[in-house]
Protein backbone atom coordinates (compact mmCIF):
# COMPACT_ATOMS: atom_id res chain seq x y z
CA UNK A 1 1.03 21.78 17.45
CA UNK A 2 -2.27 23.05 16.05
CA UNK A 3 -0.34 24.65 13.27
CA UNK A 4 1.57 21.41 12.30
CA UNK A 5 0.87 20.18 8.65
CA UNK A 6 3.59 17.43 8.70
CA UNK A 7 5.03 15.18 11.27
CA UNK A 8 7.47 17.01 13.81
CA UNK A 9 9.59 15.82 16.41
CA UNK A 10 8.89 17.34 19.94
CA UNK A 11 12.51 18.04 20.57
CA UNK A 12 12.83 19.98 17.29
CA UNK A 13 9.74 22.06 18.24
CA UNK A 14 10.86 22.63 21.66
CA UNK A 15 14.22 23.71 20.35
CA UNK A 16 12.66 26.05 17.73
CA UNK A 17 10.64 27.88 20.36
CA UNK A 18 13.15 27.56 23.14
CA UNK A 19 11.08 25.58 25.39
CA UNK A 20 11.72 22.54 27.79
CA UNK A 21 11.42 19.30 25.86
CA UNK A 22 9.72 17.66 28.57
CA UNK A 23 7.19 20.17 28.94
CA UNK A 24 6.36 20.08 25.37
CA UNK A 25 6.07 16.31 25.44
CA UNK A 26 3.70 16.61 28.59
CA UNK A 27 1.59 19.37 26.98
CA UNK A 28 1.27 17.36 23.69
CA UNK A 29 0.12 14.23 25.52
CA UNK A 30 -2.29 16.28 27.39
CA UNK A 31 -3.70 18.25 24.33
CA UNK A 32 -4.05 14.83 22.38
CA UNK A 33 -6.06 13.12 25.48
CA UNK A 34 -8.25 16.04 25.82
CA UNK A 35 -8.94 16.30 22.09
CA UNK A 36 -7.54 19.78 21.78
CA UNK A 37 -5.36 18.58 18.88
CA UNK A 38 -5.84 15.62 16.56
CA UNK A 39 -3.06 13.42 15.51
CA UNK A 40 -0.92 10.57 17.15
CA UNK A 41 2.34 10.68 18.95
CA UNK A 42 4.64 7.91 18.17
CA UNK A 43 7.77 8.18 20.41
CA UNK A 44 8.58 11.85 20.18
CA UNK A 45 7.18 12.42 16.89
CA UNK A 46 3.80 14.06 16.40
CA UNK A 47 1.79 13.39 13.21
CA UNK A 48 -1.09 15.61 12.68
CA UNK A 49 -4.34 13.83 11.74
CA UNK A 50 -4.67 16.18 8.71
CA UNK A 51 -1.35 14.94 7.38
CA UNK A 52 -2.27 11.16 7.92
CA UNK A 53 -5.53 11.77 6.28
CA UNK A 54 -3.91 13.30 3.24
CA UNK A 55 -1.39 10.40 2.95
CA UNK A 56 -4.31 7.91 3.09
CA UNK A 57 -6.14 9.85 0.60
CA UNK A 58 -3.25 9.95 -1.97
CA UNK A 59 -3.07 6.20 -1.53
CA UNK A 60 -6.73 5.59 -1.83
CA UNK A 61 -6.97 7.83 -5.00
CA UNK A 62 -4.13 6.17 -6.69
CA UNK A 63 -5.45 2.58 -6.03
CA UNK A 64 -9.00 3.39 -7.03
CA UNK A 65 -7.61 5.23 -10.27
CA UNK A 66 -5.22 2.37 -11.13
CA UNK A 67 -6.41 -0.99 -9.61
CA UNK A 68 -3.00 -1.49 -7.91
CA UNK A 69 -0.84 0.12 -5.17
CA UNK A 70 2.76 0.09 -5.30
CA UNK A 71 4.35 -0.93 -2.02
CA UNK A 72 6.97 1.87 -2.22
CA UNK A 73 4.08 4.61 -2.20
CA UNK A 74 2.34 2.90 0.55
CA UNK A 75 5.53 2.76 2.62
CA UNK A 76 6.41 6.50 1.82
CA UNK A 77 2.94 7.56 2.86
CA UNK A 78 3.15 5.50 6.20
CA UNK A 79 0.65 3.03 5.31
CA UNK A 80 0.52 -0.78 6.10
CA UNK A 81 -0.96 -2.37 3.06
CA UNK A 82 -2.46 -5.34 5.12
CA UNK A 83 -4.25 -3.03 7.45
CA UNK A 84 -5.22 -0.55 4.82
CA UNK A 85 -6.77 -3.15 2.60
CA UNK A 86 -8.52 -4.67 5.67
CA UNK A 87 -9.86 -1.29 6.75
CA UNK A 88 -11.06 -0.28 3.35
CA UNK A 89 -12.48 -3.63 2.47
CA UNK A 90 -10.09 -3.95 -0.59
CA UNK A 91 -9.57 -7.53 -1.91
CA UNK A 92 -6.51 -8.29 -3.84
CA UNK A 93 -3.09 -9.98 -3.88
CA UNK A 94 -0.06 -8.57 -2.33
CA UNK A 95 2.99 -9.13 -4.66
CA UNK A 96 6.59 -8.07 -3.58
CA UNK A 97 6.09 -4.71 -5.11
CA UNK A 98 2.50 -3.86 -5.27
CA UNK A 99 -0.92 -4.77 -4.04
CA UNK A 100 -3.29 -5.88 -7.09
CA UNK A 101 -6.92 -5.32 -6.88
CA UNK A 102 -9.06 -8.48 -7.03
CA UNK A 103 -10.63 -7.23 -10.49
CA UNK A 104 -7.04 -7.13 -11.98
CA UNK A 105 -6.36 -10.41 -10.75
CA UNK A 106 -9.50 -11.87 -12.04
CA UNK A 107 -9.10 -10.29 -15.38
CA UNK A 108 -5.53 -11.74 -15.82
CA UNK A 109 -6.87 -15.13 -14.63
CA UNK A 110 -9.72 -15.04 -17.20
CA UNK A 111 -7.29 -14.22 -20.02
CA UNK A 112 -4.92 -17.03 -18.81
CA UNK A 113 -7.57 -19.50 -18.51
CA UNK A 114 -9.01 -18.62 -21.90
CA UNK A 115 -5.57 -19.14 -23.58
CA UNK A 116 -4.97 -22.47 -21.71
CA UNK A 117 -8.53 -23.78 -22.72
CA UNK A 118 -7.71 -23.15 -26.54
CA UNK A 119 -4.41 -25.06 -25.96
CA UNK A 120 -2.49 -21.86 -26.47
CA UNK A 121 -0.03 -19.85 -24.46
CA UNK A 122 -0.15 -16.30 -22.92
CA UNK A 123 2.39 -13.81 -21.88
CA UNK A 124 1.19 -12.76 -18.44
CA UNK A 125 3.12 -9.38 -18.13
CA UNK A 126 0.90 -7.50 -20.61
CA UNK A 127 -2.06 -8.34 -18.60
CA UNK A 128 -0.91 -6.33 -15.69
CA UNK A 129 -0.34 -2.52 -15.36
CA UNK A 130 2.70 -1.33 -17.42
CA UNK A 131 4.58 -0.11 -14.50
CA UNK A 132 4.75 -3.65 -12.95
CA UNK A 133 7.67 -5.98 -13.73
CA UNK A 134 8.00 -9.50 -15.28
CA UNK A 135 8.92 -10.43 -11.63
CA UNK A 136 5.50 -9.28 -10.57
CA UNK A 137 3.85 -11.26 -13.42
CA UNK A 138 5.90 -14.56 -12.31
CA UNK A 139 4.80 -13.94 -8.76
CA UNK A 140 1.16 -13.56 -9.61
CA UNK A 141 1.27 -16.80 -11.75
CA UNK A 142 3.05 -18.50 -8.82
CA UNK A 143 0.15 -17.22 -6.53
CA UNK A 144 -2.40 -18.53 -8.97
CA UNK A 145 -0.78 -21.82 -9.01
CA UNK A 146 -0.38 -22.06 -5.30
CA UNK A 147 -3.95 -21.41 -5.09
CA UNK A 148 -5.00 -24.11 -7.54
CA UNK A 149 -6.50 -21.45 -9.84
CA UNK A 150 -4.49 -22.65 -12.95
CA UNK A 151 -5.44 -25.93 -14.74
CA UNK A 152 -3.25 -28.97 -13.54
CA UNK A 153 -1.58 -29.03 -16.99
CA UNK A 154 -0.55 -25.46 -17.09
CA UNK A 155 3.03 -24.81 -17.60
CA UNK A 156 4.83 -21.87 -16.44
CA UNK A 157 7.62 -20.66 -18.68
CA UNK A 158 9.79 -17.78 -17.42
CA UNK A 159 11.79 -16.74 -20.58
CA UNK A 160 11.29 -17.74 -24.15
CA UNK A 161 14.30 -16.80 -26.35
């Protein structure tokens, strides 16, 4: 298990090395308990700490560089966005496809408020990262409206032909 760099099932490990699966499971639990190896055992799958740290680092780096985190990336990295944001102290809004950093939400809100203050209109989608969709922009506007962060007279229009 010390040489593992990615998740592995104990049954596959036992079969590969022609060992008893129950013995491998007991040894893995003992090694984890004694701190001989670092990682976590979920069911019959061992995930090395180095792998978890690498996945978490990938997520952190992307978020810090871009100000948002696609939920698909978080899921594929085994990261719970709610727990991750709380653990890291990140503030923001979780949409159906991404977690937006508070600074992106505030920047979008400021542009929207400025347009509304001048009795104008604004397309919210260009205020978000280009990989986010119009559905994400709509969801952000609905979030802002639900939190009473848009003026009472604000009108949300989805499509203009």
